[in-house]
Amino acid sequence: MTQFWRLFTSDYVQDFVDSVSIPTMEELIGDYRTQFDKEYKAHQQNIIKLLQQIPTG
């Protein structure tokens, strides 16, 4: 059975869609987690630097 959307798209678009792999949920979560960790560590380092600049007693 052909997919209905193929009736309205060009061969170029169909070939492109067929060649692209759709990531799994685990891959999406892994990618999100990696990016989140990078952002978290950057903000954590900024806060540590700010706190080190505060004079104590």
C-alpha atoms as a PDB file:
ATOM      1  CA  MET A   1       0.000   0.000   0.000  1.00  0.00           C
ATOM      2  CA  THR A   2       1.398   3.381  -0.958  1.00  0.00           C
ATOM      3  CA  GLN A   3       1.437   6.216   1.477  1.00  0.00           C
ATOM      4  CA  PHE A   4      -1.096   8.882   0.629  1.00  0.00           C
ATOM      5  CA  TRP A   5       1.374  11.789   0.973  1.00  0.00           C
ATOM      6  CA  ARG A   6       3.459  10.364  -1.877  1.00  0.00           C
ATOM      7  CA  LEU A   7       0.713  11.294  -4.312  1.00  0.00           C
ATOM      8  CA  PHE A   8       1.369  14.991  -3.660  1.00  0.00           C
ATOM      9  CA  THR A   9       5.160  15.136  -3.451  1.00  0.00           C
ATOM     10  CA  SER A  10       7.872  15.122  -6.066  1.00  0.00           C
ATOM     11  CA  ASP A  11      10.261  12.233  -6.611  1.00  0.00           C
ATOM     12  CA  TYR A  12      13.039  14.369  -5.134  1.00  0.00           C
ATOM     13  CA  VAL A  13      11.146  14.814  -1.876  1.00  0.00           C
ATOM     14  CA  GLN A  14      10.222  11.141  -1.734  1.00  0.00           C
ATOM     15  CA  ASP A  15      13.856  10.086  -2.288  1.00  0.00           C
ATOM     16  CA  PHE A  16      15.006  12.476   0.418  1.00  0.00           C
ATOM     17  CA  VAL A  17      12.429  11.232   2.943  1.00  0.00           C
ATOM     18  CA  ASP A  18      13.332   7.632   2.131  1.00  0.00           C
ATOM     19  CA  SER A  19      17.053   8.307   2.649  1.00  0.00           C
ATOM     20  CA  VAL A  20      16.734  10.050   6.026  1.00  0.00           C
ATOM     21  CA  SER A  21      16.711   7.902   9.121  1.00  0.00           C
ATOM     22  CA  ILE A  22      14.249   8.855  11.827  1.00  0.00           C
ATOM     23  CA  PRO A  23      15.887   8.790  15.252  1.00  0.00           C
ATOM     24  CA  THR A  24      14.498   6.547  17.940  1.00  0.00           C
ATOM     25  CA  MET A  25      13.151   7.898  21.214  1.00  0.00           C
ATOM     26  CA  GLU A  26      16.305   6.697  22.997  1.00  0.00           C
ATOM     27  CA  GLU A  27      18.512   8.605  20.529  1.00  0.00           C
ATOM     28  CA  LEU A  28      16.457  11.772  20.960  1.00  0.00           C
ATOM     29  CA  ILE A  29      16.615  11.535  24.731  1.00  0.00           C
ATOM     30  CA  GLY A  30      20.353  10.820  24.604  1.00  0.00           C
ATOM     31  CA  ASP A  31      20.996  13.829  22.373  1.00  0.00           C
ATOM     32  CA  TYR A  32      18.862  16.060  24.573  1.00  0.00           C
ATOM     33  CA  ARG A  33      20.625  14.826  27.698  1.00  0.00           C
ATOM     34  CA  THR A  34      24.061  15.471  26.161  1.00  0.00           C
ATOM     35  CA  GLN A  35      23.118  19.032  25.228  1.00  0.00           C
ATOM     36  CA  PHE A  36      21.515  19.614  28.635  1.00  0.00           C
ATOM     37  CA  ASP A  37      24.659  18.410  30.414  1.00  0.00           C
ATOM     38  CA  LYS A  38      26.843  20.770  28.350  1.00  0.00           C
ATOM     39  CA  GLU A  39      24.638  23.742  29.203  1.00  0.00           C
ATOM     40  CA  TYR A  40      24.438  22.739  32.856  1.00  0.00           C
ATOM     41  CA  LYS A  41      28.212  22.458  33.210  1.00  0.00           C
ATOM     42  CA  ALA A  42      28.755  25.841  31.535  1.00  0.00           C
ATOM     43  CA  HIS A  43      26.308  27.539  33.918  1.00  0.00           C
ATOM     44  CA  GLN A  44      27.783  25.694  36.880  1.00  0.00           C
ATOM     45  CA  GLN A  45      31.275  26.955  36.004  1.00  0.00           C
ATOM     46  CA  ASN A  46      29.968  30.518  35.657  1.00  0.00           C
ATOM     47  CA  ILE A  47      28.331  30.370  39.083  1.00  0.00           C
ATOM     48  CA  ILE A  48      31.501  28.950  40.655  1.00  0.00           C
ATOM     49  CA  LYS A  49      33.555  31.792  39.151  1.00  0.00           C
ATOM     50  CA  LEU A  50      31.067  34.375  40.440  1.00  0.00           C
ATOM     51  CA  LEU A  51      31.066  32.914  43.933  1.00  0.00           C
ATOM     52  CA  GLN A  52      34.870  32.827  44.021  1.00  0.00           C
ATOM     53  CA  GLN A  53      34.929  36.579  43.419  1.00  0.00           C
ATOM     54  CA  ILE A  54      32.851  37.337  46.527  1.00  0.00           C
ATOM     55  CA  PRO A  55      35.192  38.392  49.319  1.00  0.00           C
ATOM     56  CA  THR A  56      34.843  36.467  52.544  1.00  0.00           C
ATOM     57  CA  GLY A  57      35.158  37.994  55.944  1.00  0.00           C
END
